[in-house]
Amino acid sequence: MSDLEQTLSIIKPDAVQRNLDLQIKEIFVNNGFKIVREKKIQITKSEAEQFYKVHETKPFYSDLCNYLSSGPIVVMILEKNGAVLANREIMGATNPSEAKEGTIRKKFGISIDKNSVHGSDSVENAKIEINFFFKD
């Protein structure tokens, strides 16, 4: 049995714009996640740049930051045993066309950029990302 973990999940602008936030939250809850905290916010481009700083040297960095700050997002702290890995499995591959059937990105993703959700990729990054959005 793995330990209780928390991970950050973001419902990205394309999904919020299409009113998919409740459906996506339901998928998490139905898969045993507890939504510990959540809020709908709009971040600035500079906040997006800070958040995605790990990708600063990659060619898609600027587009990614523009996109994340292009509209409202829903940020959530998800909790369950092995949350980080479980969330990544439920989200599916970054490219929706390569994601497994039944995953969030297969179901709702439009493209590699507009793939509807973000999730932390490690326990360490989850702590950093949660702190980024939920400082108190």
Protein backbone atom coordinates (compact mmCIF):
# COMPACT_ATOMS: atom_id res chain seq x y z
CA MET A 1 0.00 0.00 0.00
CA SER A 2 1.52 3.33 -0.99
CA ASP A 3 1.37 6.37 1.22
CA LEU A 4 -1.22 9.11 1.23
CA GLU A 5 0.03 11.80 -1.16
CA GLN A 6 -1.14 15.13 -2.45
CA THR A 7 -0.73 16.30 -6.02
CA LEU A 8 -1.62 19.45 -7.89
CA SER A 9 -4.13 19.29 -10.70
CA ILE A 10 -4.98 22.16 -13.02
CA ILE A 11 -8.02 22.17 -15.25
CA LYS A 12 -6.63 24.26 -18.10
CA PRO A 13 -8.32 27.17 -19.96
CA ASP A 14 -9.58 25.05 -22.88
CA ALA A 15 -11.49 22.73 -20.52
CA VAL A 16 -12.82 25.52 -18.28
CA GLN A 17 -13.98 27.41 -21.37
CA ARG A 18 -15.92 24.32 -22.48
CA ASN A 19 -17.46 23.94 -18.99
CA LEU A 20 -15.78 20.58 -18.40
CA ASP A 21 -14.56 21.33 -14.88
CA LEU A 22 -17.39 19.45 -13.10
CA GLN A 23 -17.02 16.40 -15.36
CA ILE A 24 -13.26 16.34 -14.80
CA LYS A 25 -13.64 16.72 -11.01
CA GLU A 26 -16.14 13.86 -11.08
CA ILE A 27 -13.56 11.62 -12.82
CA PHE A 28 -11.07 12.32 -10.02
CA VAL A 29 -13.63 11.66 -7.27
CA ASN A 30 -14.85 8.47 -8.99
CA ASN A 31 -11.22 7.30 -9.05
CA GLY A 32 -10.83 7.66 -5.31
CA PHE A 33 -9.30 11.13 -5.10
CA LYS A 34 -10.34 13.58 -2.43
CA ILE A 35 -10.37 17.20 -3.60
CA VAL A 36 -8.75 18.83 -0.57
CA ARG A 37 -8.86 22.41 -1.88
CA GLU A 38 -9.82 24.06 -5.11
CA LYS A 39 -10.22 27.50 -6.60
CA LYS A 40 -10.96 29.04 -9.95
CA ILE A 41 -8.44 31.75 -10.80
CA GLN A 42 -6.90 33.60 -13.68
CA ILE A 43 -3.12 33.93 -13.62
CA THR A 44 -0.94 36.48 -15.35
CA LYS A 45 1.65 35.59 -17.97
CA SER A 46 4.45 36.28 -15.48
CA GLU A 47 2.83 33.92 -12.93
CA ALA A 48 2.61 31.27 -15.67
CA GLU A 49 6.28 31.87 -16.46
CA GLN A 50 7.18 31.33 -12.79
CA PHE A 51 5.02 28.20 -12.60
CA TYR A 52 6.52 26.64 -15.75
CA LYS A 53 10.09 27.81 -15.01
CA VAL A 54 11.32 24.18 -15.29
CA HIS A 55 10.44 24.33 -19.02
CA GLU A 56 12.12 27.72 -19.61
CA THR A 57 14.67 26.35 -22.09
CA LYS A 58 12.15 24.36 -24.14
CA PRO A 59 10.79 25.67 -27.45
CA PHE A 60 7.15 25.47 -26.29
CA TYR A 61 7.74 27.53 -23.09
CA SER A 62 6.36 30.85 -24.34
CA ASP A 63 3.25 29.29 -25.92
CA LEU A 64 2.64 27.27 -22.77
CA CYS A 65 2.77 30.39 -20.59
CA ASN A 66 0.55 32.38 -22.97
CA TYR A 67 -1.95 29.54 -22.98
CA LEU A 68 -2.11 28.92 -19.21
CA SER A 69 -2.71 32.64 -18.64
CA SER A 70 -5.27 32.94 -21.49
CA GLY A 71 -8.36 32.28 -19.38
CA PRO A 72 -9.66 31.01 -16.05
CA ILE A 73 -8.19 27.78 -14.66
CA VAL A 74 -9.24 25.55 -11.78
CA VAL A 75 -6.40 24.56 -9.45
CA MET A 76 -6.94 21.66 -7.07
CA ILE A 77 -5.09 19.73 -4.42
CA LEU A 78 -5.93 16.06 -4.95
CA GLU A 79 -5.23 13.47 -2.28
CA LYS A 80 -5.11 9.68 -2.20
CA ASN A 81 -2.60 6.87 -1.82
CA GLY A 82 -0.05 7.20 -4.62
CA ALA A 83 -1.79 10.37 -5.85
CA VAL A 84 0.98 11.61 -8.18
CA LEU A 85 1.18 8.44 -10.26
CA ALA A 86 -2.57 7.77 -10.13
CA ASN A 87 -3.28 11.30 -11.39
CA ARG A 88 -0.82 10.88 -14.27
CA GLU A 89 -2.52 7.62 -15.27
CA ILE A 90 -5.99 9.21 -15.22
CA MET A 91 -4.79 12.24 -17.22
CA GLY A 92 -3.21 10.15 -19.97
CA ALA A 93 -0.38 11.01 -22.37
CA THR A 94 0.43 14.69 -23.03
CA ASN A 95 -0.66 14.24 -26.64
CA PRO A 96 -4.40 13.40 -26.56
CA SER A 97 -4.10 11.36 -29.77
CA GLU A 98 -1.61 9.06 -27.97
CA ALA A 99 -3.55 8.91 -24.68
CA LYS A 100 -5.29 5.69 -23.63
CA GLU A 101 -9.06 5.36 -23.99
CA GLY A 102 -10.88 6.55 -20.90
CA THR A 103 -8.23 9.08 -19.85
CA ILE A 104 -9.09 12.75 -19.37
CA ARG A 105 -6.85 13.89 -22.22
CA LYS A 106 -8.22 11.26 -24.62
CA LYS A 107 -11.76 12.31 -23.75
CA PHE A 108 -11.39 16.10 -23.63
CA GLY A 109 -7.97 17.13 -24.97
CA ILE A 110 -7.85 19.10 -28.22
CA SER A 111 -4.09 19.08 -28.90
CA ILE A 112 -0.70 18.67 -27.20
CA ASP A 113 -1.00 22.28 -25.99
CA LYS A 114 -4.71 22.25 -25.21
CA ASN A 115 -4.76 18.94 -23.38
CA SER A 116 -7.24 20.07 -20.70
CA VAL A 117 -5.30 19.15 -17.54
CA HIS A 118 -1.96 19.48 -15.78
CA GLY A 119 -0.72 17.23 -13.01
CA SER A 120 2.46 17.20 -10.94
CA ASP A 121 5.11 14.78 -12.22
CA SER A 122 6.69 13.89 -8.86
CA VAL A 123 6.00 14.11 -5.14
CA GLU A 124 8.68 16.81 -4.84
CA ASN A 125 7.19 18.91 -7.65
CA ALA A 126 3.69 18.39 -6.23
CA LYS A 127 4.80 20.12 -3.00
CA ILE A 128 6.33 23.02 -4.95
CA GLU A 129 3.30 23.37 -7.26
CA ILE A 130 0.77 23.15 -4.41
CA ASN A 131 2.69 25.83 -2.54
CA PHE A 132 2.71 28.00 -5.69
CA PHE A 133 -1.11 28.18 -5.75
CA PHE A 134 -2.02 27.55 -2.10
CA LYS A 135 0.55 29.45 -0.06
CA ASP A 136 -1.47 29.82 3.13
